[in-house]
Amino acid sequence: MIFEVAGAILLSLGTGGAIVLALSSWLGKVWAERLMAKETAKHNHELEQLRSSLQIQADQSAQSYKQKIDLYKEVGAPLIELLVKAQNIGSITPADMQAFERRQLHC
């Protein structure tokens, strides 16, 4: 009789323990998934902010380089024309220099 009671107690404790273990395992997984989803969302948000910031910087740099190239083209064109003229004719006249200087002042 004592063995039957002891066996029943152990069986009920074992079954209850198994149920508690299964439920705690399930609850732990649910909490871990929620925490992981929250952290993933936070990191994705931060990553998107960094991407946006880098894109703004890249756009600003590209615009700055484009403006510099346009300026170099505008300033360099009269000089190139003067050099081509000097190379074709062999010399540059004072009138050519005055025209060059006027074009440079208008840029």
PDB file of N, CA and C in Angstrom:
ATOM      1  N   MET A   1       0.802  -1.170   0.000  1.00  0.00           N
ATOM      2  CA  MET A   1       0.000   0.000   0.000  1.00  0.00           C
ATOM      3  C   MET A   1       0.866   1.263   0.000  1.00  0.00           C
ATOM      4  N   ILE A   2       1.908   1.303   0.768  1.00  0.00           N
ATOM      5  CA  ILE A   2       2.785   2.469   0.822  1.00  0.00           C
ATOM      6  C   ILE A   2       3.445   2.687  -0.531  1.00  0.00           C
ATOM      7  N   PHE A   3       3.811   1.607  -1.178  1.00  0.00           N
ATOM      8  CA  PHE A   3       4.440   1.747  -2.497  1.00  0.00           C
ATOM      9  C   PHE A   3       3.464   2.295  -3.523  1.00  0.00           C
ATOM     10  N   GLU A   4       2.224   1.925  -3.400  1.00  0.00           N
ATOM     11  CA  GLU A   4       1.217   2.430  -4.334  1.00  0.00           C
ATOM     12  C   GLU A   4       1.007   3.924  -4.135  1.00  0.00           C
ATOM     13  N   VAL A   5       0.951   4.358  -2.881  1.00  0.00           N
ATOM     14  CA  VAL A   5       0.773   5.786  -2.582  1.00  0.00           C
ATOM     15  C   VAL A   5       2.010   6.561  -3.039  1.00  0.00           C
ATOM     16  N   ALA A   6       3.182   6.049  -2.727  1.00  0.00           N
ATOM     17  CA  ALA A   6       4.427   6.706  -3.133  1.00  0.00           C
ATOM     18  C   ALA A   6       4.513   6.771  -4.648  1.00  0.00           C
ATOM     19  N   GLY A   7       4.115   5.691  -5.307  1.00  0.00           N
ATOM     20  CA  GLY A   7       4.119   5.675  -6.771  1.00  0.00           C
ATOM     21  C   GLY A   7       3.144   6.683  -7.340  1.00  0.00           C
ATOM     22  N   ALA A   8       1.970   6.799  -6.728  1.00  0.00           N
ATOM     23  CA  ALA A   8       0.968   7.762  -7.191  1.00  0.00           C
ATOM     24  C   ALA A   8       1.473   9.195  -6.997  1.00  0.00           C
ATOM     25  N   ILE A   9       2.124   9.443  -5.867  1.00  0.00           N
ATOM     26  CA  ILE A   9       2.668  10.785  -5.608  1.00  0.00           C
ATOM     27  C   ILE A   9       3.755  11.121  -6.624  1.00  0.00           C
ATOM     28  N   LEU A  10       4.674  10.190  -6.830  1.00  0.00           N
ATOM     29  CA  LEU A  10       5.748  10.422  -7.801  1.00  0.00           C
ATOM     30  C   LEU A  10       5.196  10.602  -9.213  1.00  0.00           C
ATOM     31  N   LEU A  11       4.202   9.820  -9.559  1.00  0.00           N
ATOM     32  CA  LEU A  11       3.595   9.922 -10.881  1.00  0.00           C
ATOM     33  C   LEU A  11       2.919  11.268 -11.068  1.00  0.00           C
ATOM     34  N   SER A  12       2.180  11.725 -10.060  1.00  0.00           N
ATOM     35  CA  SER A  12       1.496  13.015 -10.182  1.00  0.00           C
ATOM     36  C   SER A  12       2.505  14.161 -10.180  1.00  0.00           C
ATOM     37  N   LEU A  13       3.563  14.053  -9.371  1.00  0.00           N
ATOM     38  CA  LEU A  13       4.607  15.085  -9.387  1.00  0.00           C
ATOM     39  C   LEU A  13       5.336  15.091 -10.724  1.00  0.00           C
ATOM     40  N   GLY A  14       5.614  13.943 -11.244  1.00  0.00           N
ATOM     41  CA  GLY A  14       6.295  13.843 -12.546  1.00  0.00           C
ATOM     42  C   GLY A  14       5.447  14.406 -13.659  1.00  0.00           C
ATOM     43  N   THR A  15       4.149  14.081 -13.651  1.00  0.00           N
ATOM     44  CA  THR A  15       3.244  14.598 -14.677  1.00  0.00           C
ATOM     45  C   THR A  15       3.106  16.108 -14.539  1.00  0.00           C
ATOM     46  N   GLY A  16       2.923  16.573 -13.309  1.00  0.00           N
ATOM     47  CA  GLY A  16       2.823  18.020 -13.072  1.00  0.00           C
ATOM     48  C   GLY A  16       4.116  18.724 -13.462  1.00  0.00           C
ATOM     49  N   GLY A  17       5.229  18.112 -13.136  1.00  0.00           N
ATOM     50  CA  GLY A  17       6.530  18.693 -13.498  1.00  0.00           C
ATOM     51  C   GLY A  17       6.707  18.761 -15.003  1.00  0.00           C
ATOM     52  N   ALA A  18       6.266  17.718 -15.681  1.00  0.00           N
ATOM     53  CA  ALA A  18       6.374  17.706 -17.144  1.00  0.00           C
ATOM     54  C   ALA A  18       5.501  18.796 -17.750  1.00  0.00           C
ATOM     55  N   ILE A  19       4.298  18.970 -17.192  1.00  0.00           N
ATOM     56  CA  ILE A  19       3.391  20.018 -17.696  1.00  0.00           C
ATOM     57  C   ILE A  19       4.001  21.399 -17.445  1.00  0.00           C
ATOM     58  N   VAL A  20       4.523  21.617 -16.237  1.00  0.00           N
ATOM     59  CA  VAL A  20       5.154  22.906 -15.914  1.00  0.00           C
ATOM     60  C   VAL A  20       6.358  23.141 -16.818  1.00  0.00           C
ATOM     61  N   LEU A  21       7.161  22.122 -17.040  1.00  0.00           N
ATOM     62  CA  LEU A  21       8.336  22.239 -17.902  1.00  0.00           C
ATOM     63  C   LEU A  21       7.926  22.575 -19.332  1.00  0.00           C
ATOM     64  N   ALA A  22       6.908  21.913 -19.842  1.00  0.00           N
ATOM     65  CA  ALA A  22       6.448  22.172 -21.207  1.00  0.00           C
ATOM     66  C   ALA A  22       5.896  23.587 -21.339  1.00  0.00           C
ATOM     67  N   LEU A  23       5.075  24.015 -20.372  1.00  0.00           N
ATOM     68  CA  LEU A  23       4.505  25.365 -20.427  1.00  0.00           C
ATOM     69  C   LEU A  23       5.578  26.441 -20.283  1.00  0.00           C
ATOM     70  N   SER A  24       6.535  26.226 -19.390  1.00  0.00           N
ATOM     71  CA  SER A  24       7.594  27.226 -19.218  1.00  0.00           C
ATOM     72  C   SER A  24       8.482  27.290 -20.460  1.00  0.00           C
ATOM     73  N   SER A  25       8.714  26.161 -21.080  1.00  0.00           N
ATOM     74  CA  SER A  25       9.489  26.145 -22.321  1.00  0.00           C
ATOM     75  C   SER A  25       8.757  26.915 -23.414  1.00  0.00           C
ATOM     76  N   TRP A  26       7.462  26.674 -23.539  1.00  0.00           N
ATOM     77  CA  TRP A  26       6.659  27.371 -24.558  1.00  0.00           C
ATOM     78  C   TRP A  26       6.634  28.874 -24.292  1.00  0.00           C
ATOM     79  N   LEU A  27       6.409  29.251 -23.030  1.00  0.00           N
ATOM     80  CA  LEU A  27       6.360  30.664 -22.669  1.00  0.00           C
ATOM     81  C   LEU A  27       7.718  31.331 -22.901  1.00  0.00           C
ATOM     82  N   GLY A  28       8.788  30.635 -22.604  1.00  0.00           N
ATOM     83  CA  GLY A  28      10.135  31.168 -22.853  1.00  0.00           C
ATOM     84  C   GLY A  28      10.365  31.431 -24.333  1.00  0.00           C
ATOM     85  N   LYS A  29       9.904  30.526 -25.182  1.00  0.00           N
ATOM     86  CA  LYS A  29      10.048  30.721 -26.630  1.00  0.00           C
ATOM     87  C   LYS A  29       9.241  31.924 -27.106  1.00  0.00           C
ATOM     88  N   VAL A  30       8.024  32.072 -26.585  1.00  0.00           N
ATOM     89  CA  VAL A  30       7.180  33.213 -26.971  1.00  0.00           C
ATOM     90  C   VAL A  30       7.854  34.524 -26.574  1.00  0.00           C
ATOM     91  N   TRP A  31       8.354  34.604 -25.356  1.00  0.00           N
ATOM     92  CA  TRP A  31       9.022  35.824 -24.903  1.00  0.00           C
ATOM     93  C   TRP A  31      10.281  36.099 -25.726  1.00  0.00           C
ATOM     94  N   ALA A  32      11.049  35.057 -25.989  1.00  0.00           N
ATOM     95  CA  ALA A  32      12.275  35.233 -26.774  1.00  0.00           C
ATOM     96  C   ALA A  32      11.954  35.743 -28.179  1.00  0.00           C
ATOM     97  N   GLU A  33      10.895  35.208 -28.787  1.00  0.00           N
ATOM     98  CA  GLU A  33      10.508  35.666 -30.124  1.00  0.00           C
ATOM     99  C   GLU A  33      10.062  37.126 -30.098  1.00  0.00           C
ATOM    100  N   ARG A  34       9.326  37.511 -29.066  1.00  0.00           N
ATOM    101  CA  ARG A  34       8.889  38.911 -28.945  1.00  0.00           C
ATOM    102  C   ARG A  34      10.084  39.842 -28.778  1.00  0.00           C
ATOM    103  N   LEU A  35      11.006  39.458 -27.915  1.00  0.00           N
ATOM    104  CA  LEU A  35      12.200  40.283 -27.713  1.00  0.00           C
ATOM    105  C   LEU A  35      13.023  40.382 -28.993  1.00  0.00           C
ATOM    106  N   MET A  36      13.152  39.267 -29.700  1.00  0.00           N
ATOM    107  CA  MET A  36      13.915  39.259 -30.945  1.00  0.00           C
ATOM    108  C   MET A  36      13.245  40.138 -31.991  1.00  0.00           C
ATOM    109  N   ALA A  37      11.931  40.080 -32.077  1.00  0.00           N
ATOM    110  CA  ALA A  37      11.202  40.915 -33.039  1.00  0.00           C
ATOM    111  C   ALA A  37      11.376  42.393 -32.699  1.00  0.00           C
ATOM    112  N   LYS A  38      11.329  42.718 -31.419  1.00  0.00           N
ATOM    113  CA  LYS A  38      11.500  44.109 -30.988  1.00  0.00           C
ATOM    114  C   LYS A  38      12.909  44.603 -31.319  1.00  0.00           C
ATOM    115  N   GLU A  39      13.912  43.801 -31.027  1.00  0.00           N
ATOM    116  CA  GLU A  39      15.294  44.178 -31.328  1.00  0.00           C
ATOM    117  C   GLU A  39      15.522  44.290 -32.833  1.00  0.00           C
ATOM    118  N   THR A  40      14.952  43.376 -33.595  1.00  0.00           N
ATOM    119  CA  THR A  40      15.090  43.422 -35.054  1.00  0.00           C
ATOM    120  C   THR A  40      14.469  44.694 -35.610  1.00  0.00           C
ATOM    121  N   ALA A  41      13.301  45.053 -35.116  1.00  0.00           N
ATOM    122  CA  ALA A  41      12.641  46.282 -35.574  1.00  0.00           C
ATOM    123  C   ALA A  41      13.481  47.505 -35.216  1.00  0.00           C
ATOM    124  N   LYS A  42      14.040  47.518 -34.037  1.00  0.00           N
ATOM    125  CA  LYS A  42      14.880  48.641 -33.602  1.00  0.00           C
ATOM    126  C   LYS A  42      16.110  48.762 -34.498  1.00  0.00           C
ATOM    127  N   HIS A  43      16.760  47.645 -34.773  1.00  0.00           N
ATOM    128  CA  HIS A  43      17.958  47.665 -35.613  1.00  0.00           C
ATOM    129  C   HIS A  43      17.614  48.044 -37.052  1.00  0.00           C
ATOM    130  N   ASN A  44      16.492  47.564 -37.546  1.00  0.00           N
ATOM    131  CA  ASN A  44      16.073  47.931 -38.903  1.00  0.00           C
ATOM    132  C   ASN A  44      15.807  49.428 -39.009  1.00  0.00           C
ATOM    133  N   HIS A  45      15.197  49.996 -37.975  1.00  0.00           N
ATOM    134  CA  HIS A  45      14.926  51.440 -37.964  1.00  0.00           C
ATOM    135  C   HIS A  45      16.236  52.232 -37.964  1.00  0.00           C
ATOM    136  N   GLU A  46      17.174  51.831 -37.116  1.00  0.00           N
ATOM    137  CA  GLU A  46      18.469  52.507 -37.063  1.00  0.00           C
ATOM    138  C   GLU A  46      19.212  52.370 -38.386  1.00  0.00           C
ATOM    139  N   LEU A  47      19.143  51.191 -38.983  1.00  0.00           N
ATOM    140  CA  LEU A  47      19.801  50.961 -40.268  1.00  0.00           C
ATOM    141  C   LEU A  47      19.201  51.842 -41.353  1.00  0.00           C
ATOM    142  N   GLU A  48      17.899  51.987 -41.360  1.00  0.00           N
ATOM    143  CA  GLU A  48      17.233  52.838 -42.349  1.00  0.00           C
ATOM    144  C   GLU A  48      17.621  54.300 -42.152  1.00  0.00           C
ATOM    145  N   GLN A  49      17.754  54.734 -40.900  1.00  0.00           N
ATOM    146  CA  GLN A  49      18.199  56.107 -40.639  1.00  0.00           C
ATOM    147  C   GLN A  49      19.619  56.325 -41.152  1.00  0.00           C
ATOM    148  N   LEU A  50      20.494  55.355 -40.938  1.00  0.00           N
ATOM    149  CA  LEU A  50      21.866  55.466 -41.440  1.00  0.00           C
ATOM    150  C   LEU A  50      21.894  55.499 -42.961  1.00  0.00           C
ATOM    151  N   ARG A  51      21.099  54.643 -43.592  1.00  0.00           N
ATOM    152  CA  ARG A  51      21.031  54.643 -45.060  1.00  0.00           C
ATOM    153  C   ARG A  51      20.566  55.995 -45.575  1.00  0.00           C
ATOM    154  N   SER A  52      19.555  56.543 -44.934  1.00  0.00           N
ATOM    155  CA  SER A  52      19.022  57.842 -45.344  1.00  0.00           C
ATOM    156  C   SER A  52      20.078  58.931 -45.193  1.00  0.00           C
ATOM    157  N   SER A  53      20.777  58.918 -44.077  1.00  0.00           N
ATOM    158  CA  SER A  53      21.825  59.909 -43.837  1.00  0.00           C
ATOM    159  C   SER A  53      22.943  59.788 -44.866  1.00  0.00           C
ATOM    160  N   LEU A  54      23.355  58.568 -45.154  1.00  0.00           N
ATOM    161  CA  LEU A  54      24.406  58.359 -46.152  1.00  0.00           C
ATOM    162  C   LEU A  54      23.952  58.784 -47.540  1.00  0.00           C
ATOM    163  N   GLN A  55      22.693  58.540 -47.874  1.00  0.00           N
ATOM    164  CA  GLN A  55      22.175  58.941 -49.183  1.00  0.00           C
ATOM    165  C   GLN A  55      22.169  60.459 -49.310  1.00  0.00           C
ATOM    166  N   ILE A  56      21.787  61.147 -48.240  1.00  0.00           N
ATOM    167  CA  ILE A  56      21.797  62.616 -48.255  1.00  0.00           C
ATOM    168  C   ILE A  56      23.222  63.127 -48.463  1.00  0.00           C
ATOM    169  N   GLN A  57      24.181  62.543 -47.753  1.00  0.00           N
ATOM    170  CA  GLN A  57      25.576  62.956 -47.908  1.00  0.00           C
ATOM    171  C   GLN A  57      26.080  62.669 -49.315  1.00  0.00           C
ATOM    172  N   ALA A  58      25.723  61.519 -49.864  1.00  0.00           N
ATOM    173  CA  ALA A  58      26.148  61.170 -51.221  1.00  0.00           C
ATOM    174  C   ALA A  58      25.548  62.130 -52.239  1.00  0.00           C
ATOM    175  N   ASP A  59      24.282  62.484 -52.065  1.00  0.00           N
ATOM    176  CA  ASP A  59      23.637  63.435 -52.978  1.00  0.00           C
ATOM    177  C   ASP A  59      24.296  64.807 -52.898  1.00  0.00           C
ATOM    178  N   GLN A  60      24.620  65.238 -51.691  1.00  0.00           N
ATOM    179  CA  GLN A  60      25.278  66.537 -51.524  1.00  0.00           C
ATOM    180  C   GLN A  60      26.660  66.535 -52.170  1.00  0.00           C
ATOM    181  N   SER A  61      27.406  65.456 -51.981  1.00  0.00           N
ATOM    182  CA  SER A  61      28.734  65.361 -52.590  1.00  0.00           C
ATOM    183  C   SER A  61      28.635  65.338 -54.105  1.00  0.00           C
ATOM    184  N   ALA A  62      27.689  64.591 -54.636  1.00  0.00           N
ATOM    185  CA  ALA A  62      27.516  64.524 -56.089  1.00  0.00           C
ATOM    186  C   ALA A  62      27.156  65.893 -56.650  1.00  0.00           C
ATOM    187  N   GLN A  63      26.287  66.624 -55.963  1.00  0.00           N
ATOM    188  CA  GLN A  63      25.907  67.964 -56.418  1.00  0.00           C
ATOM    189  C   GLN A  63      27.111  68.901 -56.380  1.00  0.00           C
ATOM    190  N   SER A  64      27.910  68.806 -55.322  1.00  0.00           N
ATOM    191  CA  SER A  64      29.099  69.647 -55.205  1.00  0.00           C
ATOM    192  C   SER A  64      30.085  69.353 -56.330  1.00  0.00           C
ATOM    193  N   TYR A  65      30.325  68.066 -56.621  1.00  0.00           N
ATOM    194  CA  TYR A  65      31.240  67.701 -57.701  1.00  0.00           C
ATOM    195  C   TYR A  65      30.713  68.169 -59.049  1.00  0.00           C
ATOM    196  N   LYS A  66      29.412  68.068 -59.248  1.00  0.00           N
ATOM    197  CA  LYS A  66      28.820  68.511 -60.510  1.00  0.00           C
ATOM    198  C   LYS A  66      29.002  70.013 -60.680  1.00  0.00           C
ATOM    199  N   GLN A  67      28.789  70.768 -59.601  1.00  0.00           N
ATOM    200  CA  GLN A  67      28.975  72.217 -59.672  1.00  0.00           C
ATOM    201  C   GLN A  67      30.430  72.573 -59.978  1.00  0.00           C
ATOM    202  N   LYS A  68      31.361  71.853 -59.372  1.00  0.00           N
ATOM    203  CA  LYS A  68      32.779  72.113 -59.634  1.00  0.00           C
ATOM    204  C   LYS A  68      33.136  71.802 -61.080  1.00  0.00           C
ATOM    205  N   ILE A  69      32.649  70.688 -61.595  1.00  0.00           N
ATOM    206  CA  ILE A  69      32.932  70.320 -62.986  1.00  0.00           C
ATOM    207  C   ILE A  69      32.348  71.350 -63.936  1.00  0.00           C
ATOM    208  N   ASP A  70      31.120  71.796 -63.669  1.00  0.00           N
ATOM    209  CA  ASP A  70      30.507  72.822 -64.516  1.00  0.00           C
ATOM    210  C   ASP A  70      31.326  74.109 -64.485  1.00  0.00           C
ATOM    211  N   LEU A  71      31.808  74.473 -63.302  1.00  0.00           N
ATOM    212  CA  LEU A  71      32.628  75.677 -63.181  1.00  0.00           C
ATOM    213  C   LEU A  71      33.940  75.517 -63.950  1.00  0.00           C
ATOM    214  N   TYR A  72      34.576  74.358 -63.834  1.00  0.00           N
ATOM    215  CA  TYR A  72      35.825  74.122 -64.561  1.00  0.00           C
ATOM    216  C   TYR A  72      35.599  74.196 -66.067  1.00  0.00           C
ATOM    217  N   LYS A  73      34.484  73.657 -66.524  1.00  0.00           N
ATOM    218  CA  LYS A  73      34.171  73.727 -67.955  1.00  0.00           C
ATOM    219  C   LYS A  73      33.984  75.174 -68.393  1.00  0.00           C
ATOM    220  N   GLU A  74      33.253  75.927 -67.589  1.00  0.00           N
ATOM    221  CA  GLU A  74      32.963  77.318 -67.931  1.00  0.00           C
ATOM    222  C   GLU A  74      34.238  78.160 -67.939  1.00  0.00           C
ATOM    223  N   VAL A  75      35.090  77.956 -66.959  1.00  0.00           N
ATOM    224  CA  VAL A  75      36.321  78.730 -66.860  1.00  0.00           C
ATOM    225  C   VAL A  75      37.361  78.233 -67.862  1.00  0.00           C
ATOM    226  N   GLY A  76      37.390  76.953 -68.102  1.00  0.00           N
ATOM    227  CA  GLY A  76      38.412  76.377 -68.974  1.00  0.00           C
ATOM    228  C   GLY A  76      38.163  76.570 -70.454  1.00  0.00           C
ATOM    229  N   ALA A  77      36.915  76.742 -70.872  1.00  0.00           N
ATOM    230  CA  ALA A  77      36.602  76.848 -72.304  1.00  0.00           C
ATOM    231  C   ALA A  77      37.326  78.015 -72.975  1.00  0.00           C
ATOM    232  N   PRO A  78      37.314  79.232 -72.420  1.00  0.00           N
ATOM    233  CA  PRO A  78      38.043  80.325 -73.080  1.00  0.00           C
ATOM    234  C   PRO A  78      39.550  80.070 -73.148  1.00  0.00           C
ATOM    235  N   LEU A  79      40.104  79.463 -72.117  1.00  0.00           N
ATOM    236  CA  LEU A  79      41.531  79.162 -72.116  1.00  0.00           C
ATOM    237  C   LEU A  79      41.868  78.149 -73.199  1.00  0.00           C
ATOM    238  N   ILE A  80      41.049  77.151 -73.339  1.00  0.00           N
ATOM    239  CA  ILE A  80      41.275  76.145 -74.384  1.00  0.00           C
ATOM    240  C   ILE A  80      41.190  76.784 -75.763  1.00  0.00           C
ATOM    241  N   GLU A  81      40.201  77.643 -75.963  1.00  0.00           N
ATOM    242  CA  GLU A  81      40.080  78.332 -77.254  1.00  0.00           C
ATOM    243  C   GLU A  81      41.313  79.182 -77.539  1.00  0.00           C
ATOM    244  N   LEU A  82      41.818  79.872 -76.523  1.00  0.00           N
ATOM    245  CA  LEU A  82      43.009  80.701 -76.692  1.00  0.00           C
ATOM    246  C   LEU A  82      44.217  79.848 -77.046  1.00  0.00           C
ATOM    247  N   LEU A  83      44.366  78.717 -76.372  1.00  0.00           N
ATOM    248  CA  LEU A  83      45.495  77.828 -76.659  1.00  0.00           C
ATOM    249  C   LEU A  83      45.398  77.232 -78.059  1.00  0.00           C
ATOM    250  N   VAL A  84      44.209  76.851 -78.472  1.00  0.00           N
ATOM    251  CA  VAL A  84      44.022  76.306 -79.823  1.00  0.00           C
ATOM    252  C   VAL A  84      44.347  77.370 -80.858  1.00  0.00           C
ATOM    253  N   LYS A  85      43.891  78.572 -80.632  1.00  0.00           N
ATOM    254  CA  LYS A  85      44.164  79.675 -81.557  1.00  0.00           C
ATOM    255  C   LYS A  85      45.666  79.935 -81.635  1.00  0.00           C
ATOM    256  N   ALA A  86      46.332  79.936 -80.480  1.00  0.00           N
ATOM    257  CA  ALA A  86      47.779  80.164 -80.460  1.00  0.00           C
ATOM    258  C   ALA A  86      48.509  79.048 -81.186  1.00  0.00           C
ATOM    259  N   GLN A  87      48.042  77.850 -81.048  1.00  0.00           N
ATOM    260  CA  GLN A  87      48.693  76.722 -81.699  1.00  0.00           C
ATOM    261  C   GLN A  87      48.474  76.766 -83.210  1.00  0.00           C
ATOM    262  N   ASN A  88      47.285  77.125 -83.646  1.00  0.00           N
ATOM    263  CA  ASN A  88      46.985  77.171 -85.079  1.00  0.00           C
ATOM    264  C   ASN A  88      47.673  78.345 -85.765  1.00  0.00           C
ATOM    265  N   ILE A  89      47.634  79.509 -85.144  1.00  0.00           N
ATOM    266  CA  ILE A  89      48.207  80.707 -85.758  1.00  0.00           C
ATOM    267  C   ILE A  89      49.699  80.803 -85.453  1.00  0.00           C
ATOM    268  N   GLY A  90      50.101  80.374 -84.327  1.00  0.00           N
ATOM    269  CA  GLY A  90      51.501  80.432 -83.948  1.00  0.00           C
ATOM    270  C   GLY A  90      51.795  81.519 -82.939  1.00  0.00           C
ATOM    271  N   SER A  91      50.894  82.465 -82.792  1.00  0.00           N
ATOM    272  CA  SER A  91      51.090  83.524 -81.803  1.00  0.00           C
ATOM    273  C   SER A  91      49.731  84.068 -81.381  1.00  0.00           C
ATOM    274  N   ILE A  92      49.774  84.850 -80.311  1.00  0.00           N
ATOM    275  CA  ILE A  92      48.547  85.453 -79.800  1.00  0.00           C
ATOM    276  C   ILE A  92      48.723  86.964 -79.864  1.00  0.00           C
ATOM    277  N   THR A  93      47.752  87.624 -80.417  1.00  0.00           N
ATOM    278  CA  THR A  93      47.808  89.083 -80.534  1.00  0.00           C
ATOM    279  C   THR A  93      47.272  89.717 -79.258  1.00  0.00           C
ATOM    280  N   PRO A  94      47.588  90.984 -79.044  1.00  0.00           N
ATOM    281  CA  PRO A  94      47.020  91.678 -77.882  1.00  0.00           C
ATOM    282  C   PRO A  94      45.494  91.701 -77.919  1.00  0.00           C
ATOM    283  N   ALA A  95      44.911  91.768 -79.094  1.00  0.00           N
ATOM    284  CA  ALA A  95      43.447  91.742 -79.204  1.00  0.00           C
ATOM    285  C   ALA A  95      42.900  90.400 -78.719  1.00  0.00           C
ATOM    286  N   ASP A  96      43.619  89.314 -79.047  1.00  0.00           N
ATOM    287  CA  ASP A  96      43.204  87.987 -78.572  1.00  0.00           C
ATOM    288  C   ASP A  96      43.263  87.919 -77.045  1.00  0.00           C
ATOM    289  N   MET A  97      44.304  88.501 -76.457  1.00  0.00           N
ATOM    290  CA  MET A  97      44.435  88.501 -74.999  1.00  0.00           C
ATOM    291  C   MET A  97      43.331  89.324 -74.348  1.00  0.00           C
ATOM    292  N   GLN A  98      42.986  90.461 -74.952  1.00  0.00           N
ATOM    293  CA  GLN A  98      41.911  91.284 -74.399  1.00  0.00           C
ATOM    294  C   GLN A  98      40.574  90.546 -74.471  1.00  0.00           C
ATOM    295  N   ALA A  99      40.331  89.869 -75.585  1.00  0.00           N
ATOM    296  CA  ALA A  99      39.091  89.101 -75.722  1.00  0.00           C
ATOM    297  C   ALA A  99      39.048  87.981 -74.681  1.00  0.00           C
ATOM    298  N   PHE A 100      40.185  87.341 -74.474  1.00  0.00           N
ATOM    299  CA  PHE A 100      40.269  86.276 -73.471  1.00  0.00           C
ATOM    300  C   PHE A 100      39.980  86.831 -72.076  1.00  0.00           C
ATOM    301  N   GLU A 101      40.584  87.953 -71.742  1.00  0.00           N
ATOM    302  CA  GLU A 101      40.385  88.550 -70.424  1.00  0.00           C
ATOM    303  C   GLU A 101      38.936  88.983 -70.226  1.00  0.00           C
ATOM    304  N   ARG A 102      38.302  89.523 -71.274  1.00  0.00           N
ATOM    305  CA  ARG A 102      36.892  89.907 -71.166  1.00  0.00           C
ATOM    306  C   ARG A 102      36.012  88.683 -70.912  1.00  0.00           C
ATOM    307  N   ARG A 103      36.299  87.606 -71.620  1.00  0.00           N
ATOM    308  CA  ARG A 103      35.506  86.380 -71.428  1.00  0.00           C
ATOM    309  C   ARG A 103      35.712  85.819 -70.025  1.00  0.00           C
ATOM    310  N   GLN A 104      36.918  85.926 -69.500  1.00  0.00           N
ATOM    311  CA  GLN A 104      37.185  85.433 -68.153  1.00  0.00           C
ATOM    312  C   GLN A 104      36.452  86.271 -67.111  1.00  0.00           C
ATOM    313  N   LEU A 105      36.364  87.563 -67.337  1.00  0.00           N
ATOM    314  CA  LEU A 105      35.675  88.425 -66.381  1.00  0.00           C
ATOM    315  C   LEU A 105      34.172  88.189 -66.380  1.00  0.00           C
ATOM    316  N   HIS A 106      33.620  87.745 -67.477  1.00  0.00           N
ATOM    317  CA  HIS A 106      32.174  87.510 -67.560  1.00  0.00           C
ATOM    318  C   HIS A 106      31.768  86.163 -66.969  1.00  0.00           C
ATOM    319  N   CYS A 107      32.707  85.285 -66.697  1.00  0.00           N
ATOM    320  CA  CYS A 107      32.366  83.959 -66.160  1.00  0.00           C
ATOM    321  C   CYS A 107      31.973  84.011 -64.731  1.00  0.00           C
TER     322      CYS A 107
END
